[in-house]
Each structure stands twice: as structure tokens, then as C-alpha cells.
Amino acid sequence: MSFAAGQLPNALGIMTACHLQKCQQCSTKVGMYEELGAELIDSTQSISMGNNSLNNLLNRLDLEPTEAKTPEFTGDPRTPKPLRRFMPEYFDKLSWNGFSSSIKEYILPFSDEAYTAKFYKISAGKELPVHTHKGNEFTLVMEGSFSDNSGDYHSGDFILAGTQTIHQPKAAKDCDCICFAVVDAPLKMTGFFGRMLNPFL
């Protein structure tokens, strides 16, 4: 509903838009909320405009039109449309960073003070350290799949993990898993080796 009303923060709005490209059920819900919003606007009491409003509008129509610029295409066509302008290359060519060759991340440029947006990649058959969350983590599987103690997740699936979640996501053996994650607080590693990483998160 917040997405349909244009009220989501940038990171969550972009993630939701990516999910909607693959989920017909959620797309239908968004359409319903947009229709509801239109009906609410239509039933709202109208406000009278200034006496010169119509003349001002007509005068602007007479102004010389500016030449429309065709936006240059950027991004890879395999990338979901909401992300194309933020990704210089496709996933396989991004400048990944990380603590090991098995787990990498790529910070997205629309992160802000409230939310950090990033991709993370788990190599085929590898797993993240056992961890919980200091806040909320919204995850959208982009490529491949992973599993944890709650189930299996595939491309297009949306997952919300919170402070009560303790899990260890593991990528499927057949290919790397790439996820789009938005967090409002750092992860908290709970395993023996993972706890050594907490000061860096």
C-alpha cells in the first residue's frame, strides 16, 4: 500500500518494484491499491483555483516547446528495470568486495542514513555465518537460490528477517546466489568465528 501511494523510502521502493516484475499476485494488489487511491482522490472535496489559473495554463501552452531528450539506455537488459541506472554492469562484472572469496557484496548508491542497500553473492554450495539481525533485513533473491532453517528461496522470492530471526543462508550447489538486500541495522553474527566479524559490520 505504501508503494502504491509513493511513500516508501528509495531503497525499499526500488526493491518492491523489482519484486513486482516477477510477482503477478503482488502486482495485482498494487493495482487494487492504486485504484483505491484514485477513488479517494476523486471523492475528495475540490478546491477552488485562482482566477488567473486557466489563463496562465493556456499561456504556457503557447510557449515554444523544449526539445525532448531521449534518455540514453544504461544498464544490462537482463537487469530489472528499476535497477538499471544504478548498475554500471551486470552482476558478473560488478566490483564485488568481501571478507572471503565465498561471500561478496556490492553497495548500491541509493543507500541513505536509514537504509543500506546492497547486493550480496554467496558462492555455489557456500553459506553465510550463523547470524541474527539488529533490525530488519528485506531480501529479494535476484539469481540462483538459497535455503535456511525456514525454507528454500528462489529468484523473485521476497524475505523479511528481523531481530527474532537466527539463520545461516546457504546457496544451492548448482550456482551462485545473488540477493538484493536492504537493512536498517547491521547483522549480528552469533557463531564462534562470525562474532569476530561483528566489529567490522
C-alpha atoms as a PDB file:
ATOM      1  CA  MET A   1       0.000   0.000   0.000  1.00  0.00           C
ATOM      2  CA  SER A   2       2.856   2.378   0.823  1.00  0.00           C
ATOM      3  CA  PHE A   3       4.468   1.588  -2.536  1.00  0.00           C
ATOM      4  CA  ALA A   4       1.233   2.341  -4.402  1.00  0.00           C
ATOM      5  CA  ALA A   5       0.980   5.657  -2.542  1.00  0.00           C
ATOM      6  CA  GLY A   6       4.602   6.556  -3.366  1.00  0.00           C
ATOM      7  CA  GLN A   7       5.542   6.664   0.315  1.00  0.00           C
ATOM      8  CA  LEU A   8       8.315   4.064   0.551  1.00  0.00           C
ATOM      9  CA  PRO A   9      11.937   5.152   1.054  1.00  0.00           C
ATOM     10  CA  ASN A  10      14.028   4.881  -2.115  1.00  0.00           C
ATOM     11  CA  ALA A  11      15.734   1.585  -1.232  1.00  0.00           C
ATOM     12  CA  LEU A  12      12.527  -0.230  -0.287  1.00  0.00           C
ATOM     13  CA  GLY A  13      10.632   1.276  -3.211  1.00  0.00           C
ATOM     14  CA  ILE A  14      13.213   0.055  -5.719  1.00  0.00           C
ATOM     15  CA  MET A  15      13.265  -3.407  -4.148  1.00  0.00           C
ATOM     16  CA  THR A  16       9.459  -3.597  -4.260  1.00  0.00           C
ATOM     17  CA  ALA A  17       9.441  -2.508  -7.911  1.00  0.00           C
ATOM     18  CA  CYS A  18      11.921  -5.284  -8.741  1.00  0.00           C
ATOM     19  CA  HIS A  19       9.767  -7.862  -6.941  1.00  0.00           C
ATOM     20  CA  LEU A  20       6.647  -6.693  -8.780  1.00  0.00           C
ATOM     21  CA  GLN A  21       8.282  -7.515 -12.120  1.00  0.00           C
ATOM     22  CA  LYS A  22       8.168 -11.203 -11.199  1.00  0.00           C
ATOM     23  CA  CYS A  23       5.154 -11.486  -8.873  1.00  0.00           C
ATOM     24  CA  GLN A  24       1.750 -11.262 -10.530  1.00  0.00           C
ATOM     25  CA  GLN A  25      -0.060 -11.664  -7.213  1.00  0.00           C
ATOM     26  CA  CYS A  26       1.630  -8.614  -5.681  1.00  0.00           C
ATOM     27  CA  SER A  27       1.253  -6.633  -8.923  1.00  0.00           C
ATOM     28  CA  THR A  28      -2.486  -7.243  -8.745  1.00  0.00           C
ATOM     29  CA  LYS A  29      -2.565  -5.994  -5.153  1.00  0.00           C
ATOM     30  CA  VAL A  30      -0.672  -2.829  -6.081  1.00  0.00           C
ATOM     31  CA  GLY A  31      -3.153  -2.211  -8.905  1.00  0.00           C
ATOM     32  CA  MET A  32      -6.017  -2.551  -6.418  1.00  0.00           C
ATOM     33  CA  TYR A  33      -4.399  -0.047  -4.029  1.00  0.00           C
ATOM     34  CA  GLU A  34      -3.779   2.387  -6.896  1.00  0.00           C
ATOM     35  CA  GLU A  35      -7.460   2.179  -7.888  1.00  0.00           C
ATOM     36  CA  LEU A  36      -8.451   2.761  -4.268  1.00  0.00           C
ATOM     37  CA  GLY A  37      -6.186   5.810  -4.121  1.00  0.00           C
ATOM     38  CA  ALA A  38      -7.728   7.175  -7.309  1.00  0.00           C
ATOM     39  CA  GLU A  39     -11.219   6.756  -5.869  1.00  0.00           C
ATOM     40  CA  LEU A  40     -10.204   8.537  -2.675  1.00  0.00           C
ATOM     41  CA  ILE A  41      -8.837  11.454  -4.685  1.00  0.00           C
ATOM     42  CA  ASP A  42     -11.975  11.530  -6.817  1.00  0.00           C
ATOM     43  CA  SER A  43     -14.189  11.688  -3.723  1.00  0.00           C
ATOM     44  CA  THR A  44     -12.104  14.409  -2.063  1.00  0.00           C
ATOM     45  CA  GLN A  45     -13.714  17.841  -1.901  1.00  0.00           C
ATOM     46  CA  SER A  46     -12.432  20.024  -4.708  1.00  0.00           C
ATOM     47  CA  ILE A  47     -10.514  23.208  -4.020  1.00  0.00           C
ATOM     48  CA  SER A  48     -11.199  26.351  -5.998  1.00  0.00           C
ATOM     49  CA  MET A  49      -8.308  27.732  -8.023  1.00  0.00           C
ATOM     50  CA  GLY A  50      -7.191  31.291  -8.596  1.00  0.00           C
ATOM     51  CA  ASN A  51      -8.967  33.449 -11.152  1.00  0.00           C
ATOM     52  CA  ASN A  52      -5.957  33.504 -13.491  1.00  0.00           C
ATOM     53  CA  SER A  53      -5.153  29.763 -13.291  1.00  0.00           C
ATOM     54  CA  LEU A  54      -6.746  28.837 -16.629  1.00  0.00           C
ATOM     55  CA  ASN A  55      -5.188  31.808 -18.452  1.00  0.00           C
ATOM     56  CA  ASN A  56      -1.761  31.012 -17.002  1.00  0.00           C
ATOM     57  CA  LEU A  57      -2.044  27.425 -18.191  1.00  0.00           C
ATOM     58  CA  LEU A  58      -3.144  28.419 -21.690  1.00  0.00           C
ATOM     59  CA  ASN A  59      -0.318  30.957 -21.928  1.00  0.00           C
ATOM     60  CA  ARG A  60       2.215  28.279 -21.037  1.00  0.00           C
ATOM     61  CA  LEU A  61       0.848  26.065 -23.819  1.00  0.00           C
ATOM     62  CA  ASP A  62       1.706  28.819 -26.283  1.00  0.00           C
ATOM     63  CA  LEU A  63       5.357  28.867 -25.220  1.00  0.00           C
ATOM     64  CA  GLU A  64       7.917  27.341 -27.553  1.00  0.00           C
ATOM     65  CA  PRO A  65       8.235  23.646 -26.621  1.00  0.00           C
ATOM     66  CA  THR A  66      11.623  22.481 -25.484  1.00  0.00           C
ATOM     67  CA  GLU A  67      13.175  19.674 -27.457  1.00  0.00           C
ATOM     68  CA  ALA A  68      12.541  16.390 -25.708  1.00  0.00           C
ATOM     69  CA  LYS A  69      15.705  14.473 -24.919  1.00  0.00           C
ATOM     70  CA  THR A  70      15.681  10.755 -25.449  1.00  0.00           C
ATOM     71  CA  PRO A  71      17.262   9.186 -22.362  1.00  0.00           C
ATOM     72  CA  GLU A  72      20.339   7.151 -23.138  1.00  0.00           C
ATOM     73  CA  PHE A  73      19.967   3.476 -22.352  1.00  0.00           C
ATOM     74  CA  THR A  74      22.134   2.407 -19.465  1.00  0.00           C
ATOM     75  CA  GLY A  75      22.476  -0.946 -17.798  1.00  0.00           C
ATOM     76  CA  ASP A  76      22.178  -4.507 -18.959  1.00  0.00           C
ATOM     77  CA  PRO A  77      18.801  -5.659 -20.348  1.00  0.00           C
ATOM     78  CA  ARG A  78      18.977  -8.697 -18.032  1.00  0.00           C
ATOM     79  CA  THR A  79      18.869  -6.363 -15.035  1.00  0.00           C
ATOM     80  CA  PRO A  80      15.428  -5.477 -13.603  1.00  0.00           C
ATOM     81  CA  LYS A  81      14.404  -2.073 -14.978  1.00  0.00           C
ATOM     82  CA  PRO A  82      14.286  -0.285 -11.590  1.00  0.00           C
ATOM     83  CA  LEU A  83      17.976  -1.124 -11.049  1.00  0.00           C
ATOM     84  CA  ARG A  84      19.486  -0.473 -14.485  1.00  0.00           C
ATOM     85  CA  ARG A  85      20.538   3.131 -13.904  1.00  0.00           C
ATOM     86  CA  PHE A  86      22.312   2.143 -10.678  1.00  0.00           C
ATOM     87  CA  MET A  87      24.313  -0.793 -12.069  1.00  0.00           C
ATOM     88  CA  PRO A  88      27.210   0.006 -14.404  1.00  0.00           C
ATOM     89  CA  GLU A  89      27.499  -3.660 -15.412  1.00  0.00           C
ATOM     90  CA  TYR A  90      25.652  -6.923 -14.979  1.00  0.00           C
ATOM     91  CA  PHE A  91      26.189  -8.979 -11.814  1.00  0.00           C
ATOM     92  CA  ASP A  92      29.103 -10.968 -13.237  1.00  0.00           C
ATOM     93  CA  LYS A  93      31.096  -7.758 -13.921  1.00  0.00           C
ATOM     94  CA  LEU A  94      30.415  -5.754 -10.764  1.00  0.00           C
ATOM     95  CA  SER A  95      33.274  -4.772  -8.453  1.00  0.00           C
ATOM     96  CA  TRP A  96      32.418  -7.129  -5.609  1.00  0.00           C
ATOM     97  CA  ASN A  97      34.001  -6.710  -2.160  1.00  0.00           C
ATOM     98  CA  GLY A  98      34.033  -9.012   0.831  1.00  0.00           C
ATOM     99  CA  PHE A  99      35.830 -10.814   3.591  1.00  0.00           C
ATOM    100  CA  SER A 100      36.227 -14.068   1.617  1.00  0.00           C
ATOM    101  CA  SER A 101      36.016 -15.434  -1.908  1.00  0.00           C
ATOM    102  CA  SER A 102      32.774 -17.238  -0.970  1.00  0.00           C
ATOM    103  CA  ILE A 103      30.797 -14.198   0.220  1.00  0.00           C
ATOM    104  CA  LYS A 104      30.901 -10.841  -1.575  1.00  0.00           C
ATOM    105  CA  GLU A 105      28.871  -7.635  -1.502  1.00  0.00           C
ATOM    106  CA  TYR A 106      28.249  -4.608  -3.692  1.00  0.00           C
ATOM    107  CA  ILE A 107      26.898  -1.437  -2.045  1.00  0.00           C
ATOM    108  CA  LEU A 108      24.231   0.343  -4.100  1.00  0.00           C
ATOM    109  CA  PRO A 109      24.345   4.148  -4.498  1.00  0.00           C
ATOM    110  CA  PHE A 110      20.847   4.821  -3.181  1.00  0.00           C
ATOM    111  CA  SER A 111      21.741   3.817   0.391  1.00  0.00           C
ATOM    112  CA  ASP A 112      20.999   6.565   2.918  1.00  0.00           C
ATOM    113  CA  GLU A 113      21.120   7.216   6.677  1.00  0.00           C
ATOM    114  CA  ALA A 114      18.111   4.970   7.330  1.00  0.00           C
ATOM    115  CA  TYR A 115      18.723   2.079   4.928  1.00  0.00           C
ATOM    116  CA  THR A 116      21.746   0.361   3.420  1.00  0.00           C
ATOM    117  CA  ALA A 117      21.051  -1.250   0.050  1.00  0.00           C
ATOM    118  CA  LYS A 118      23.414  -3.837  -1.409  1.00  0.00           C
ATOM    119  CA  PHE A 119      23.777  -6.996  -3.405  1.00  0.00           C
ATOM    120  CA  TYR A 120      25.422  -9.941  -1.799  1.00  0.00           C
ATOM    121  CA  LYS A 121      26.688 -13.022  -3.543  1.00  0.00           C
ATOM    122  CA  ILE A 122      27.094 -16.444  -1.951  1.00  0.00           C
ATOM    123  CA  SER A 123      29.194 -18.847  -3.995  1.00  0.00           C
ATOM    124  CA  ALA A 124      27.534 -22.112  -5.015  1.00  0.00           C
ATOM    125  CA  GLY A 125      27.305 -24.504  -2.076  1.00  0.00           C
ATOM    126  CA  LYS A 126      28.688 -21.949   0.413  1.00  0.00           C
ATOM    127  CA  GLU A 127      26.910 -20.406   3.395  1.00  0.00           C
ATOM    128  CA  LEU A 128      26.891 -17.233   5.451  1.00  0.00           C
ATOM    129  CA  PRO A 129      27.950 -17.402   9.101  1.00  0.00           C
ATOM    130  CA  VAL A 130      25.135 -18.016  11.597  1.00  0.00           C
ATOM    131  CA  HIS A 131      23.622 -14.630  12.413  1.00  0.00           C
ATOM    132  CA  THR A 132      20.660 -12.664  13.650  1.00  0.00           C
ATOM    133  CA  HIS A 133      19.661  -9.064  12.926  1.00  0.00           C
ATOM    134  CA  LYS A 134      19.819  -5.866  14.952  1.00  0.00           C
ATOM    135  CA  GLY A 135      16.920  -4.543  12.885  1.00  0.00           C
ATOM    136  CA  ASN A 136      15.060  -5.534   9.729  1.00  0.00           C
ATOM    137  CA  GLU A 137      16.558  -7.083   6.620  1.00  0.00           C
ATOM    138  CA  PHE A 138      14.471  -7.102   3.441  1.00  0.00           C
ATOM    139  CA  THR A 139      15.854  -9.562   0.880  1.00  0.00           C
ATOM    140  CA  LEU A 140      14.946 -10.230  -2.746  1.00  0.00           C
ATOM    141  CA  VAL A 141      16.560 -13.190  -4.495  1.00  0.00           C
ATOM    142  CA  MET A 142      17.864 -11.994  -7.868  1.00  0.00           C
ATOM    143  CA  GLU A 143      19.633 -15.089  -9.222  1.00  0.00           C
ATOM    144  CA  GLY A 144      20.104 -18.647  -8.016  1.00  0.00           C
ATOM    145  CA  SER A 145      18.613 -19.809  -4.736  1.00  0.00           C
ATOM    146  CA  PHE A 146      19.407 -20.306  -1.070  1.00  0.00           C
ATOM    147  CA  SER A 147      17.955 -22.164   1.879  1.00  0.00           C
ATOM    148  CA  ASP A 148      17.888 -21.724   5.646  1.00  0.00           C
ATOM    149  CA  ASN A 149      16.013 -23.283   8.543  1.00  0.00           C
ATOM    150  CA  SER A 150      12.764 -21.672   7.312  1.00  0.00           C
ATOM    151  CA  GLY A 151      12.789 -22.995   3.741  1.00  0.00           C
ATOM    152  CA  ASP A 152      14.085 -22.604   0.186  1.00  0.00           C
ATOM    153  CA  TYR A 153      14.074 -19.302  -1.700  1.00  0.00           C
ATOM    154  CA  HIS A 154      14.361 -18.785  -5.443  1.00  0.00           C
ATOM    155  CA  SER A 155      14.613 -15.924  -7.941  1.00  0.00           C
ATOM    156  CA  GLY A 156      11.879 -13.356  -7.274  1.00  0.00           C
ATOM    157  CA  ASP A 157      11.183 -14.501  -3.698  1.00  0.00           C
ATOM    158  CA  PHE A 158      10.935 -11.804  -1.026  1.00  0.00           C
ATOM    159  CA  ILE A 159      12.050 -12.476   2.557  1.00  0.00           C
ATOM    160  CA  LEU A 160      11.804 -10.355   5.709  1.00  0.00           C
ATOM    161  CA  ALA A 161      14.146 -11.204   8.587  1.00  0.00           C
ATOM    162  CA  GLY A 162      14.055  -9.415  11.937  1.00  0.00           C
ATOM    163  CA  THR A 163      15.533  -9.443  15.398  1.00  0.00           C
ATOM    164  CA  GLN A 164      13.940 -12.819  16.186  1.00  0.00           C
ATOM    165  CA  THR A 165      15.488 -14.491  13.145  1.00  0.00           C
ATOM    166  CA  ILE A 166      18.551 -16.692  13.604  1.00  0.00           C
ATOM    167  CA  HIS A 167      19.658 -18.389  10.407  1.00  0.00           C
ATOM    168  CA  GLN A 168      22.517 -19.445   8.144  1.00  0.00           C
ATOM    169  CA  PRO A 169      21.620 -18.944   4.478  1.00  0.00           C
ATOM    170  CA  LYS A 170      23.285 -21.464   2.169  1.00  0.00           C
ATOM    171  CA  ALA A 171      23.451 -21.174  -1.623  1.00  0.00           C
ATOM    172  CA  ALA A 172      22.347 -24.097  -3.766  1.00  0.00           C
ATOM    173  CA  LYS A 173      25.150 -26.277  -5.110  1.00  0.00           C
ATOM    174  CA  ASP A 174      24.442 -25.674  -8.799  1.00  0.00           C
ATOM    175  CA  CYS A 175      25.068 -21.892  -8.999  1.00  0.00           C
ATOM    176  CA  ASP A 176      25.948 -18.737  -7.074  1.00  0.00           C
ATOM    177  CA  CYS A 177      23.123 -16.970  -5.262  1.00  0.00           C
ATOM    178  CA  ILE A 178      22.792 -13.194  -5.684  1.00  0.00           C
ATOM    179  CA  CYS A 179      20.411 -11.287  -3.433  1.00  0.00           C
ATOM    180  CA  PHE A 180      19.309  -7.664  -3.207  1.00  0.00           C
ATOM    181  CA  ALA A 181      19.204  -6.724   0.486  1.00  0.00           C
ATOM    182  CA  VAL A 182      18.036  -3.610   2.309  1.00  0.00           C
ATOM    183  CA  VAL A 183      18.863  -3.318   6.014  1.00  0.00           C
ATOM    184  CA  ASP A 184      18.141  -0.697   8.643  1.00  0.00           C
ATOM    185  CA  ALA A 185      20.745  -2.069  11.087  1.00  0.00           C
ATOM    186  CA  PRO A 186      23.834  -4.283  10.847  1.00  0.00           C
ATOM    187  CA  LEU A 187      23.796  -8.059  11.088  1.00  0.00           C
ATOM    188  CA  LYS A 188      24.869  -9.661  14.345  1.00  0.00           C
ATOM    189  CA  MET A 189      26.982 -12.769  13.950  1.00  0.00           C
ATOM    190  CA  THR A 190      26.323 -15.418  16.593  1.00  0.00           C
ATOM    191  CA  GLY A 191      28.719 -18.250  15.683  1.00  0.00           C
ATOM    192  CA  PHE A 192      32.252 -18.539  17.101  1.00  0.00           C
ATOM    193  CA  PHE A 193      34.074 -17.243  14.007  1.00  0.00           C
ATOM    194  CA  GLY A 194      31.259 -14.932  12.988  1.00  0.00           C
ATOM    195  CA  ARG A 195      31.442 -12.994  16.255  1.00  0.00           C
ATOM    196  CA  MET A 196      34.948 -11.875  15.305  1.00  0.00           C
ATOM    197  CA  LEU A 197      33.429 -10.052  12.304  1.00  0.00           C
ATOM    198  CA  ASN A 198      30.871  -8.052  14.345  1.00  0.00           C
ATOM    199  CA  PRO A 199      33.204  -5.060  14.947  1.00  0.00           C
ATOM    200  CA  PHE A 200      33.530  -4.637  11.158  1.00  0.00           C
ATOM    201  CA  LEU A 201      29.795  -4.773  10.343  1.00  0.00           C
END
